[in-house]
Structures are given as structure tokens and as C-alpha cells.
C-alpha atoms as a PDB file:
ATOM      1  CA  MET A   1     -13.320 -37.508 -24.203  1.00  0.00           C
ATOM      2  CA  LEU A   2     -11.668 -34.433 -25.657  1.00  0.00           C
ATOM      3  CA  VAL A   3     -14.150 -32.196 -27.459  1.00  0.00           C
ATOM      4  CA  ALA A   4     -13.288 -29.260 -29.706  1.00  0.00           C
ATOM      5  CA  ASP A   5     -14.948 -25.876 -29.221  1.00  0.00           C
ATOM      6  CA  VAL A   6     -17.381 -25.456 -32.115  1.00  0.00           C
ATOM      7  CA  PRO A   7     -19.624 -22.435 -32.859  1.00  0.00           C
ATOM      8  CA  VAL A   8     -23.157 -23.153 -31.753  1.00  0.00           C
ATOM      9  CA  GLU A   9     -24.533 -22.582 -35.271  1.00  0.00           C
ATOM     10  CA  PHE A  10     -22.583 -25.640 -36.418  1.00  0.00           C
ATOM     11  CA  MET A  11     -24.416 -27.812 -33.885  1.00  0.00           C
ATOM     12  CA  CYS A  12     -28.012 -27.021 -34.787  1.00  0.00           C
ATOM     13  CA  SER A  13     -30.625 -29.764 -35.166  1.00  0.00           C
ATOM     14  CA  ALA A  14     -32.160 -30.358 -38.577  1.00  0.00           C
ATOM     15  CA  ARG A  15     -35.832 -29.622 -39.068  1.00  0.00           C
ATOM     16  CA  GLY A  16     -38.007 -32.728 -38.755  1.00  0.00           C
ATOM     17  CA  GLU A  17     -39.327 -32.511 -42.299  1.00  0.00           C
ATOM     18  CA  ILE A  18     -35.866 -33.039 -43.779  1.00  0.00           C
ATOM     19  CA  THR A  19     -34.915 -36.014 -41.614  1.00  0.00           C
ATOM     20  CA  HIS A  20     -35.961 -39.645 -41.920  1.00  0.00           C
ATOM     21  CA  ARG A  21     -39.247 -40.259 -40.086  1.00  0.00           C
ATOM     22  CA  GLY A  22     -38.777 -36.867 -38.395  1.00  0.00           C
ATOM     23  CA  ALA A  23     -36.070 -38.343 -36.155  1.00  0.00           C
ATOM     24  CA  MET A  24     -32.779 -36.817 -35.117  1.00  0.00           C
ATOM     25  CA  THR A  25     -29.874 -37.179 -37.518  1.00  0.00           C
ATOM     26  CA  LEU A  26     -27.033 -39.567 -36.720  1.00  0.00           C
ATOM     27  CA  GLU A  27     -24.908 -36.505 -36.022  1.00  0.00           C
ATOM     28  CA  ARG A  28     -27.207 -35.361 -33.235  1.00  0.00           C
ATOM     29  CA  CYS A  29     -27.630 -38.878 -31.808  1.00  0.00           C
ATOM     30  CA  VAL A  30     -23.889 -39.493 -31.595  1.00  0.00           C
ATOM     31  CA  HIS A  31     -23.297 -35.970 -30.257  1.00  0.00           C
ATOM     32  CA  ASP A  32     -25.791 -36.524 -27.443  1.00  0.00           C
ATOM     33  CA  TYR A  33     -24.359 -39.968 -26.645  1.00  0.00           C
ATOM     34  CA  MET A  34     -20.800 -38.665 -26.425  1.00  0.00           C
ATOM     35  CA  PHE A  35     -21.757 -35.791 -24.156  1.00  0.00           C
ATOM     36  CA  GLN A  36     -23.679 -38.216 -21.931  1.00  0.00           C
ATOM     37  CA  HIS A  37     -20.625 -40.512 -21.732  1.00  0.00           C
ATOM     38  CA  PRO A  38     -17.646 -38.246 -21.014  1.00  0.00           C
ATOM     39  CA  GLU A  39     -15.737 -41.277 -19.750  1.00  0.00           C
ATOM     40  CA  VAL A  40     -15.112 -42.422 -23.348  1.00  0.00           C
ATOM     41  CA  GLU A  41     -11.360 -42.426 -23.912  1.00  0.00           C
ATOM     42  CA  SER A  42      -9.672 -41.550 -27.179  1.00  0.00           C
ATOM     43  CA  GLY A  43      -6.387 -40.116 -28.347  1.00  0.00           C
ATOM     44  CA  THR A  44      -8.270 -37.937 -30.825  1.00  0.00           C
ATOM     45  CA  THR A  45     -10.502 -34.904 -30.258  1.00  0.00           C
ATOM     46  CA  TYR A  46     -14.187 -35.069 -31.177  1.00  0.00           C
ATOM     47  CA  LEU A  47     -15.208 -32.357 -33.656  1.00  0.00           C
ATOM     48  CA  PRO A  48     -18.989 -32.117 -33.052  1.00  0.00           C
ATOM     49  CA  ILE A  49     -20.018 -30.352 -36.258  1.00  0.00           C
ATOM     50  CA  HIS A  50     -23.496 -31.393 -37.383  1.00  0.00           C
ATOM     51  CA  TRP A  51     -22.683 -31.304 -41.090  1.00  0.00           C
ATOM     52  CA  MET A  52     -26.036 -32.363 -42.506  1.00  0.00           C
ATOM     53  CA  ASP A  53     -28.055 -30.451 -39.929  1.00  0.00           C
ATOM     54  CA  TYR A  54     -26.161 -27.229 -40.536  1.00  0.00           C
ATOM     55  CA  LEU A  55     -25.991 -27.356 -44.321  1.00  0.00           C
ATOM     56  CA  CYS A  56     -29.640 -28.373 -44.754  1.00  0.00           C
ATOM     57  CA  ASN A  57     -30.955 -25.871 -42.227  1.00  0.00           C
ATOM     58  CA  MET A  58     -29.001 -23.116 -43.946  1.00  0.00           C
ATOM     59  CA  GLN A  59     -30.301 -24.370 -47.310  1.00  0.00           C
ATOM     60  CA  TRP A  60     -26.769 -24.460 -48.686  1.00  0.00           C
ATOM     61  CA  GLY A  61     -26.592 -20.665 -48.749  1.00  0.00           C
ATOM     62  CA  PRO A  62     -23.660 -18.844 -50.380  1.00  0.00           C
ATOM     63  CA  ASN A  63     -21.673 -18.322 -47.167  1.00  0.00           C
ATOM     64  CA  VAL A  64     -22.295 -21.687 -45.551  1.00  0.00           C
ATOM     65  CA  LEU A  65     -19.209 -23.484 -46.851  1.00  0.00           C
ATOM     66  CA  ASP A  66     -17.105 -20.342 -46.445  1.00  0.00           C
ATOM     67  CA  ASN A  67     -17.976 -20.286 -42.744  1.00  0.00           C
ATOM     68  CA  LEU A  68     -16.924 -23.922 -42.338  1.00  0.00           C
ATOM     69  CA  ILE A  69     -13.710 -23.407 -44.307  1.00  0.00           C
ATOM     70  CA  CYS A  70     -12.786 -20.370 -42.221  1.00  0.00           C
ATOM     71  CA  PHE A  71     -13.433 -22.302 -39.012  1.00  0.00           C
ATOM     72  CA  SER A  72     -11.413 -25.323 -40.129  1.00  0.00           C
ATOM     73  CA  LYS A  73      -8.410 -23.201 -41.114  1.00  0.00           C
ATOM     74  CA  ASN A  74      -8.218 -21.780 -37.598  1.00  0.00           C
ATOM     75  CA  LEU A  75      -8.462 -25.090 -35.762  1.00  0.00           C
ATOM     76  CA  PRO A  76      -5.524 -26.064 -33.573  1.00  0.00           C
ATOM     77  CA  SER A  77      -3.525 -29.067 -34.737  1.00  0.00           C
ATOM     78  CA  GLY A  78      -5.320 -32.434 -34.456  1.00  0.00           C
ATOM     79  CA  PRO A  79      -5.851 -35.292 -34.464  1.00  0.00           C
ATOM     80  CA  TYR A  80      -9.655 -35.077 -34.697  1.00  0.00           C
ATOM     81  CA  TRP A  81     -12.593 -37.266 -35.532  1.00  0.00           C
ATOM     82  CA  THR A  82     -15.981 -36.190 -36.840  1.00  0.00           C
ATOM     83  CA  LEU A  83     -19.152 -37.803 -38.155  1.00  0.00           C
ATOM     84  CA  THR A  84     -21.534 -36.860 -40.928  1.00  0.00           C
ATOM     85  CA  GLN A  85     -24.753 -38.198 -42.428  1.00  0.00           C
ATOM     86  CA  LEU A  86     -23.989 -36.530 -45.763  1.00  0.00           C
ATOM     87  CA  ASP A  87     -23.386 -39.207 -48.396  1.00  0.00           C
ATOM     88  CA  ASN A  88     -20.311 -37.406 -49.756  1.00  0.00           C
ATOM     89  CA  GLY A  89     -18.766 -36.881 -46.338  1.00  0.00           C
ATOM     90  CA  PRO A  90     -17.780 -33.505 -44.892  1.00  0.00           C
ATOM     91  CA  TYR A  91     -17.630 -30.876 -47.608  1.00  0.00           C
ATOM     92  CA  VAL A  92     -14.622 -29.263 -45.961  1.00  0.00           C
ATOM     93  CA  ASP A  93     -11.177 -30.841 -45.667  1.00  0.00           C
ATOM     94  CA  ILE A  94      -9.837 -30.861 -42.121  1.00  0.00           C
ATOM     95  CA  PRO A  95      -6.204 -31.939 -41.714  1.00  0.00           C
ATOM     96  CA  ASP A  96      -5.525 -34.928 -39.481  1.00  0.00           C
ATOM     97  CA  CYS A  97      -9.200 -35.802 -39.076  1.00  0.00           C
ATOM     98  CA  VAL A  98     -10.805 -39.258 -39.197  1.00  0.00           C
ATOM     99  CA  ARG A  99     -14.199 -39.053 -40.928  1.00  0.00           C
ATOM    100  CA  PHE A 100     -17.075 -41.363 -40.007  1.00  0.00           C
ATOM    101  CA  GLY A 101     -19.739 -41.327 -42.720  1.00  0.00           C
ATOM    102  CA  VAL A 102     -22.546 -43.218 -44.435  1.00  0.00           C
ATOM    103  CA  GLY A 103     -21.168 -42.924 -47.975  1.00  0.00           C
ATOM    104  CA  ASP A 104     -18.171 -44.255 -49.846  1.00  0.00           C
ATOM    105  CA  ALA A 105     -16.614 -40.875 -50.671  1.00  0.00           C
ATOM    106  CA  ARG A 106     -14.597 -38.595 -48.385  1.00  0.00           C
ATOM    107  CA  THR A 107     -15.097 -41.135 -45.607  1.00  0.00           C
ATOM    108  CA  ASP A 108     -12.511 -43.057 -43.592  1.00  0.00           C
ATOM    109  CA  ILE A 109     -14.798 -45.292 -41.542  1.00  0.00           C
ATOM    110  CA  CYS A 110     -18.201 -46.295 -42.904  1.00  0.00           C
ATOM    111  CA  ILE A 111     -21.178 -46.367 -40.541  1.00  0.00           C
ATOM    112  CA  PRO A 112     -24.784 -47.547 -41.075  1.00  0.00           C
ATOM    113  CA  LEU A 113     -27.658 -45.272 -41.990  1.00  0.00           C
ATOM    114  CA  SER A 114     -29.406 -46.086 -38.715  1.00  0.00           C
ATOM    115  CA  SER A 115     -32.740 -44.784 -37.450  1.00  0.00           C
ATOM    116  CA  PRO A 116     -34.842 -45.345 -34.312  1.00  0.00           C
ATOM    117  CA  SER A 117     -36.068 -48.893 -33.760  1.00  0.00           C
ATOM    118  CA  TYR A 118     -39.738 -49.631 -34.304  1.00  0.00           C
ATOM    119  CA  GLY A 119     -39.638 -51.848 -31.201  1.00  0.00           C
ATOM    120  CA  LEU A 120     -41.912 -54.488 -32.754  1.00  0.00           C
ATOM    121  CA  PRO A 121     -41.589 -58.287 -32.453  1.00  0.00           C
ATOM    122  CA  ARG A 122     -40.799 -60.387 -35.488  1.00  0.00           C
ATOM    123  CA  ASN A 123     -43.770 -61.815 -37.349  1.00  0.00           C
ATOM    124  CA  GLU A 124     -43.231 -65.579 -37.137  1.00  0.00           C
ATOM    125  CA  SER A 125     -45.728 -66.337 -39.929  1.00  0.00           C
ATOM    126  CA  PRO A 126     -45.054 -63.931 -42.815  1.00  0.00           C
ATOM    127  CA  LYS A 127     -47.245 -64.501 -45.879  1.00  0.00           C
ATOM    128  CA  ILE A 128     -45.082 -62.711 -48.482  1.00  0.00           C
ATOM    129  CA  LEU A 129     -41.786 -64.000 -49.845  1.00  0.00           C
ATOM    130  CA  ALA A 130     -40.413 -60.540 -50.659  1.00  0.00           C
ATOM    131  CA  SER A 131     -41.824 -57.026 -50.800  1.00  0.00           C
ATOM    132  CA  PHE A 132     -40.967 -53.481 -51.715  1.00  0.00           C
ATOM    133  CA  ILE A 133     -42.933 -50.280 -51.460  1.00  0.00           C
ATOM    134  CA  GLY A 134     -41.207 -47.019 -52.312  1.00  0.00           C
ATOM    135  CA  ARG A 135     -40.666 -44.160 -54.701  1.00  0.00           C
ATOM    136  CA  GLU A 136     -39.268 -44.389 -58.205  1.00  0.00           C
ATOM    137  CA  SER A 137     -36.137 -42.430 -57.331  1.00  0.00           C
ATOM    138  CA  ARG A 138     -33.995 -44.389 -59.783  1.00  0.00           C
ATOM    139  CA  LEU A 139     -34.676 -46.181 -63.068  1.00  0.00           C
ATOM    140  CA  GLU A 140     -33.553 -49.439 -61.503  1.00  0.00           C
ATOM    141  CA  ARG A 141     -36.495 -49.307 -59.131  1.00  0.00           C
ATOM    142  CA  ARG A 142     -38.863 -49.234 -62.088  1.00  0.00           C
ATOM    143  CA  HIS A 143     -36.981 -52.220 -63.544  1.00  0.00           C
ATOM    144  CA  LEU A 144     -37.362 -54.022 -60.218  1.00  0.00           C
ATOM    145  CA  PHE A 145     -41.099 -53.319 -60.194  1.00  0.00           C
ATOM    146  CA  ASP A 146     -41.648 -54.367 -63.814  1.00  0.00           C
ATOM    147  CA  THR A 147     -39.657 -57.575 -63.271  1.00  0.00           C
ATOM    148  CA  LEU A 148     -41.392 -58.772 -60.108  1.00  0.00           C
ATOM    149  CA  LYS A 149     -44.906 -57.308 -60.187  1.00  0.00           C
ATOM    150  CA  ASN A 150     -46.533 -60.465 -61.606  1.00  0.00           C
ATOM    151  CA  ILE A 151     -44.430 -63.140 -59.886  1.00  0.00           C
ATOM    152  CA  ASP A 152     -46.058 -65.187 -57.122  1.00  0.00           C
ATOM    153  CA  GLY A 153     -44.719 -64.407 -53.668  1.00  0.00           C
ATOM    154  CA  PHE A 154     -43.633 -60.882 -54.512  1.00  0.00           C
ATOM    155  CA  ASP A 155     -45.485 -57.728 -53.458  1.00  0.00           C
ATOM    156  CA  VAL A 156     -43.940 -54.642 -55.048  1.00  0.00           C
ATOM    157  CA  GLU A 157     -45.428 -51.171 -55.327  1.00  0.00           C
ATOM    158  CA  ILE A 158     -44.223 -47.807 -56.566  1.00  0.00           C
ATOM    159  CA  VAL A 159     -45.714 -44.812 -54.733  1.00  0.00           C
ATOM    160  CA  PRO A 160     -45.351 -41.097 -55.604  1.00  0.00           C
ATOM    161  CA  ALA A 161     -44.610 -40.079 -52.016  1.00  0.00           C
ATOM    162  CA  PHE A 162     -44.560 -41.436 -48.474  1.00  0.00           C
ATOM    163  CA  GLY A 163     -47.278 -40.653 -45.975  1.00  0.00           C
ATOM    164  CA  GLU A 164     -49.029 -42.235 -43.033  1.00  0.00           C
ATOM    165  CA  ASP A 165     -51.226 -44.197 -45.463  1.00  0.00           C
ATOM    166  CA  VAL A 166     -48.252 -46.033 -47.009  1.00  0.00           C
ATOM    167  CA  PRO A 167     -48.016 -49.394 -45.140  1.00  0.00           C
ATOM    168  CA  VAL A 168     -44.235 -49.819 -45.300  1.00  0.00           C
ATOM    169  CA  VAL A 169     -43.864 -51.364 -41.834  1.00  0.00           C
ATOM    170  CA  ASP A 170     -46.840 -53.723 -42.149  1.00  0.00           C
ATOM    171  CA  ARG A 171     -45.637 -54.854 -45.571  1.00  0.00           C
ATOM    172  CA  MET A 172     -42.131 -55.600 -44.325  1.00  0.00           C
ATOM    173  CA  ARG A 173     -43.319 -57.374 -41.184  1.00  0.00           C
ATOM    174  CA  ASN A 174     -45.427 -59.684 -43.358  1.00  0.00           C
ATOM    175  CA  SER A 175     -42.439 -60.526 -45.594  1.00  0.00           C
ATOM    176  CA  ILE A 176     -39.529 -62.948 -45.292  1.00  0.00           C
ATOM    177  CA  PHE A 177     -37.296 -60.757 -47.454  1.00  0.00           C
ATOM    178  CA  ALA A 178     -37.376 -56.975 -47.762  1.00  0.00           C
ATOM    179  CA  LEU A 179     -36.200 -55.684 -51.124  1.00  0.00           C
ATOM    180  CA  CYS A 180     -33.871 -52.759 -50.449  1.00  0.00           C
ATOM    181  CA  PRO A 181     -32.856 -51.058 -53.697  1.00  0.00           C
ATOM    182  CA  ARG A 182     -30.467 -48.168 -53.197  1.00  0.00           C
ATOM    183  CA  GLY A 183     -31.958 -44.707 -53.426  1.00  0.00           C
ATOM    184  CA  ASN A 184     -30.213 -41.438 -54.137  1.00  0.00           C
ATOM    185  CA  ILE A 185     -27.242 -42.616 -52.087  1.00  0.00           C
ATOM    186  CA  ALA A 186     -25.616 -46.046 -51.951  1.00  0.00           C
ATOM    187  CA  GLN A 187     -27.064 -46.939 -48.547  1.00  0.00           C
ATOM    188  CA  THR A 188     -30.723 -46.937 -47.597  1.00  0.00           C
ATOM    189  CA  PHE A 189     -32.500 -46.765 -44.229  1.00  0.00           C
ATOM    190  CA  ARG A 190     -34.556 -49.745 -45.385  1.00  0.00           C
ATOM    191  CA  LEU A 191     -31.605 -52.129 -44.927  1.00  0.00           C
ATOM    192  CA  TYR A 192     -31.522 -51.613 -41.190  1.00  0.00           C
ATOM    193  CA  GLU A 193     -35.279 -51.206 -40.737  1.00  0.00           C
ATOM    194  CA  ALA A 194     -35.684 -54.617 -42.351  1.00  0.00           C
ATOM    195  CA  MET A 195     -33.376 -56.253 -39.801  1.00  0.00           C
ATOM    196  CA  ASP A 196     -35.101 -54.379 -36.975  1.00  0.00           C
ATOM    197  CA  LEU A 197     -38.445 -55.800 -38.138  1.00  0.00           C
ATOM    198  CA  GLY A 198     -37.167 -59.361 -38.502  1.00  0.00           C
ATOM    199  CA  CYS A 199     -36.813 -59.418 -42.310  1.00  0.00           C
ATOM    200  CA  ILE A 200     -33.820 -60.407 -44.391  1.00  0.00           C
ATOM    201  CA  PRO A 201     -32.701 -57.377 -46.401  1.00  0.00           C
ATOM    202  CA  VAL A 202     -32.017 -57.835 -50.110  1.00  0.00           C
ATOM    203  CA  TYR A 203     -29.538 -55.059 -50.905  1.00  0.00           C
ATOM    204  CA  ILE A 204     -29.850 -54.142 -54.588  1.00  0.00           C
ATOM    205  CA  SER A 205     -27.267 -51.699 -55.879  1.00  0.00           C
ATOM    206  CA  ASP A 206     -24.437 -50.912 -58.251  1.00  0.00           C
ATOM    207  CA  THR A 207     -22.233 -49.947 -55.292  1.00  0.00           C
ATOM    208  CA  PHE A 208     -22.399 -51.760 -51.964  1.00  0.00           C
ATOM    209  CA  VAL A 209     -21.612 -49.848 -48.789  1.00  0.00           C
ATOM    210  CA  THR A 210     -21.397 -52.429 -45.992  1.00  0.00           C
ATOM    211  CA  PRO A 211     -20.459 -50.891 -42.616  1.00  0.00           C
ATOM    212  CA  PHE A 212     -18.207 -52.838 -40.250  1.00  0.00           C
ATOM    213  CA  SER A 213     -17.468 -55.431 -42.950  1.00  0.00           C
ATOM    214  CA  ASP A 214     -14.006 -55.817 -41.451  1.00  0.00           C
ATOM    215  CA  THR A 215     -15.642 -57.685 -38.565  1.00  0.00           C
ATOM    216  CA  LEU A 216     -19.064 -58.652 -39.981  1.00  0.00           C
ATOM    217  CA  ASP A 217     -19.825 -61.144 -42.758  1.00  0.00           C
ATOM    218  CA  TRP A 218     -22.769 -59.511 -44.503  1.00  0.00           C
ATOM    219  CA  SER A 219     -23.667 -62.738 -46.330  1.00  0.00           C
ATOM    220  CA  GLU A 220     -24.794 -64.141 -42.960  1.00  0.00           C
ATOM    221  CA  PHE A 221     -27.741 -61.723 -42.706  1.00  0.00           C
ATOM    222  CA  CYS A 222     -28.173 -59.974 -46.054  1.00  0.00           C
ATOM    223  CA  VAL A 223     -28.573 -60.911 -49.732  1.00  0.00           C
ATOM    224  CA  LEU A 224     -26.522 -58.685 -52.040  1.00  0.00           C
ATOM    225  CA  VAL A 225     -27.786 -58.376 -55.619  1.00  0.00           C
ATOM    226  CA  GLU A 226     -26.143 -56.306 -58.327  1.00  0.00           C
ATOM    227  CA  TYR A 227     -28.318 -54.312 -60.705  1.00  0.00           C
ATOM    228  CA  LYS A 228     -27.388 -56.618 -63.563  1.00  0.00           C
ATOM    229  CA  ASP A 229     -28.949 -59.539 -61.666  1.00  0.00           C
ATOM    230  CA  ILE A 230     -32.356 -57.990 -60.949  1.00  0.00           C
ATOM    231  CA  ASP A 231     -33.981 -60.423 -63.404  1.00  0.00           C
ATOM    232  CA  SER A 232     -32.656 -63.321 -61.298  1.00  0.00           C
ATOM    233  CA  ILE A 233     -33.930 -62.137 -57.900  1.00  0.00           C
ATOM    234  CA  SER A 234     -36.849 -64.573 -57.842  1.00  0.00           C
ATOM    235  CA  ASP A 235     -34.581 -67.561 -58.483  1.00  0.00           C
ATOM    236  CA  ILE A 236     -31.980 -66.320 -55.991  1.00  0.00           C
ATOM    237  CA  LEU A 237     -34.451 -65.953 -53.122  1.00  0.00           C
ATOM    238  CA  LYS A 238     -36.400 -69.131 -53.839  1.00  0.00           C
ATOM    239  CA  SER A 239     -33.153 -71.129 -53.742  1.00  0.00           C
ATOM    240  CA  ILE A 240     -32.467 -70.196 -50.088  1.00  0.00           C
ATOM    241  CA  SER A 241     -33.424 -73.014 -47.710  1.00  0.00           C
ATOM    242  CA  GLU A 242     -35.725 -72.603 -44.723  1.00  0.00           C
ATOM    243  CA  ASP A 243     -32.841 -73.348 -42.338  1.00  0.00           C
ATOM    244  CA  LYS A 244     -30.728 -70.665 -43.983  1.00  0.00           C
ATOM    245  CA  ILE A 245     -33.627 -68.195 -43.818  1.00  0.00           C
ATOM    246  CA  ARG A 246     -34.043 -68.763 -40.085  1.00  0.00           C
ATOM    247  CA  SER A 247     -30.302 -68.438 -39.540  1.00  0.00           C
ATOM    248  CA  MET A 248     -30.163 -65.159 -41.491  1.00  0.00           C
ATOM    249  CA  GLN A 249     -33.161 -63.740 -39.608  1.00  0.00           C
ATOM    250  CA  ASP A 250     -31.629 -64.584 -36.234  1.00  0.00           C
ATOM    251  CA  ARG A 251     -28.206 -63.265 -37.189  1.00  0.00           C
ATOM    252  CA  GLY A 252     -29.723 -60.086 -38.636  1.00  0.00           C
ATOM    253  CA  LYS A 253     -31.522 -59.236 -35.418  1.00  0.00           C
ATOM    254  CA  LYS A 254     -28.391 -59.820 -33.327  1.00  0.00           C
ATOM    255  CA  VAL A 255     -26.264 -57.695 -35.635  1.00  0.00           C
ATOM    256  CA  TYR A 256     -28.913 -54.974 -35.691  1.00  0.00           C
ATOM    257  CA  ASP A 257     -28.902 -54.762 -31.901  1.00  0.00           C
ATOM    258  CA  SER A 258     -25.107 -54.827 -31.567  1.00  0.00           C
ATOM    259  CA  HIS A 259     -24.060 -52.694 -34.578  1.00  0.00           C
ATOM    260  CA  PHE A 260     -26.910 -51.069 -36.503  1.00  0.00           C
ATOM    261  CA  SER A 261     -29.382 -49.789 -33.916  1.00  0.00           C
ATOM    262  CA  LEU A 262     -28.678 -46.271 -32.699  1.00  0.00           C
ATOM    263  CA  LEU A 263     -27.368 -47.559 -29.369  1.00  0.00           C
ATOM    264  CA  GLY A 264     -25.356 -50.280 -31.085  1.00  0.00           C
ATOM    265  CA  LEU A 265     -23.900 -47.749 -33.518  1.00  0.00           C
ATOM    266  CA  CYS A 266     -22.836 -45.457 -30.668  1.00  0.00           C
ATOM    267  CA  ALA A 267     -21.203 -48.411 -28.920  1.00  0.00           C
ATOM    268  CA  GLN A 268     -19.267 -49.308 -32.067  1.00  0.00           C
ATOM    269  CA  ILE A 269     -18.144 -45.713 -32.588  1.00  0.00           C
ATOM    270  CA  THR A 270     -17.005 -45.605 -28.960  1.00  0.00           C
ATOM    271  CA  ARG A 271     -14.942 -48.743 -29.592  1.00  0.00           C
ATOM    272  CA  LEU A 272     -13.440 -47.366 -32.791  1.00  0.00           C
ATOM    273  CA  VAL A 273     -12.546 -43.927 -31.484  1.00  0.00           C
ATOM    274  CA  GLY A 274     -10.882 -45.645 -28.541  1.00  0.00           C
ATOM    275  CA  GLU A 275      -8.608 -47.391 -31.026  1.00  0.00           C
ATOM    276  CA  LEU A 276      -7.640 -44.203 -32.894  1.00  0.00           C
END
């Protein structure tokens, strides 16, 4: 694996309080994996800038982007590849560079918003049809809550903030479907946490970002619902047969392990960079 020389300040780790569940960012996870597997072959050079880590740690100060722009202008000719957890991709244009990212803008190859596995077995006797517990970060989440709060089989709750007393994991593990409305960005960690915990994610959004959809059929393990169809969610989920539910749960867990877990994601990136 060819790796570009990058200033150490561009490879800092984000503070725990600004990362999901205090875990490492995808940038750091992939960086560590690549350095632990130097045998990975690719015709492109890895550019190990930790975009989110650096920009967030520096609090988007006035010289932050200038430093990145200056560095990029002095890079030798590519080709390169880089990865970012920022939803709008790298904020600096780098010629001849393939961009892996979690958003649908300034990204060439979309990757999942993965996080560490909970390592828990699937609950084989869930009592809830579908659940959601989260913040009201978008108006559509309030619409979702108001629509489903009094319907049998649904357990939905809006909370002002997350803390150790918010039973997100227990609620999902006791549910067949996990309602996953998009947050501030098109993807949400909840999609992949649901599959990790044995639930079927119900992706609710105006824009669907579905990583690896060139090789994966998302309808086999996920229910996609547009905002305009929020009022129909109860009918949609109740129409899915028990055989289909079991099939989607099984497929979701397999796909999580092979593509959406941190190790699975690194394996897929290894495959893709080998094809560049």
C-alpha cells in the first residue's frame, strides 16, 4: 500500500465527546486498518487525512481550510484515494483523488456510517413491532412521533438529549423493526446499529444514501420509506409476512457482518481500492 506523507496535525483523533458513542471516527479506524495491513495492493496512493477529526478538533478555525488547501496544492501528482466521515465530503478539492464518504455530495464511493458492534445476540421474542427513540432534529421526526404515538405495536419517543438513561439499545432489541429517520445528514448510525442488534431498519428520508448498492439489494434487509409516506408506515410494516421478516433479519445480520461492521467496511474498502 502506497501512503502519502501527511503532516501529523492532519491525522489527529477527534475528541470523544464529538464522536458517536465516544468511538473512533471511520477515518481513524480505516487508517489503523490500512497501516496494520501493508500488504493491501492498490494502484492509487492512500491520503490519510482525518478530515472530520482535524476540522472538528480545530473548531473550524480561520486557517484550517487554508492549511489543507496549501497542502493539497503541493502534493505530487496522483492518483490518490482518501476517506472522510464529513457528510459533504472533503472540503478541499484534490486532483485525481477518489473520495470515499458517507454523504451524497463530493463523494465518489459511498460508505456506511458504521460504528463499533454492540456484540449482543438477537432477541428472538421481541414484543414491539417498531420503535424509535431520539431527538427532534428535524420536523419530520415530530411528524413521525405524532403519527405513530397512539398506534398499537409502535413505541416512539422524542428525547431532548441522549444519555446513559436513554434505553436505545434495549428498545431496539425488543423490536422487530427499528425506525431510522434521517438526522442532520442523509445517513444515520441507527441503520447499521439496527442490523447489528437483529432488527430490520426502516430508513425514513427524503434522500436515500445506500452504500454498496451496486452489489447489495437493500430491499432484502431494509424498508425504505419516503417522507411523504410517513402516514402509511403502520400499513407498510403490518403487511410484511413473518417469513419475509425472518428473511430480512437473517440477511441484515449477514450484510452487517460482511459490509457494514467496522471490520466488514475495511474489507470492502480494501477490495475497492484494489480495483482502482
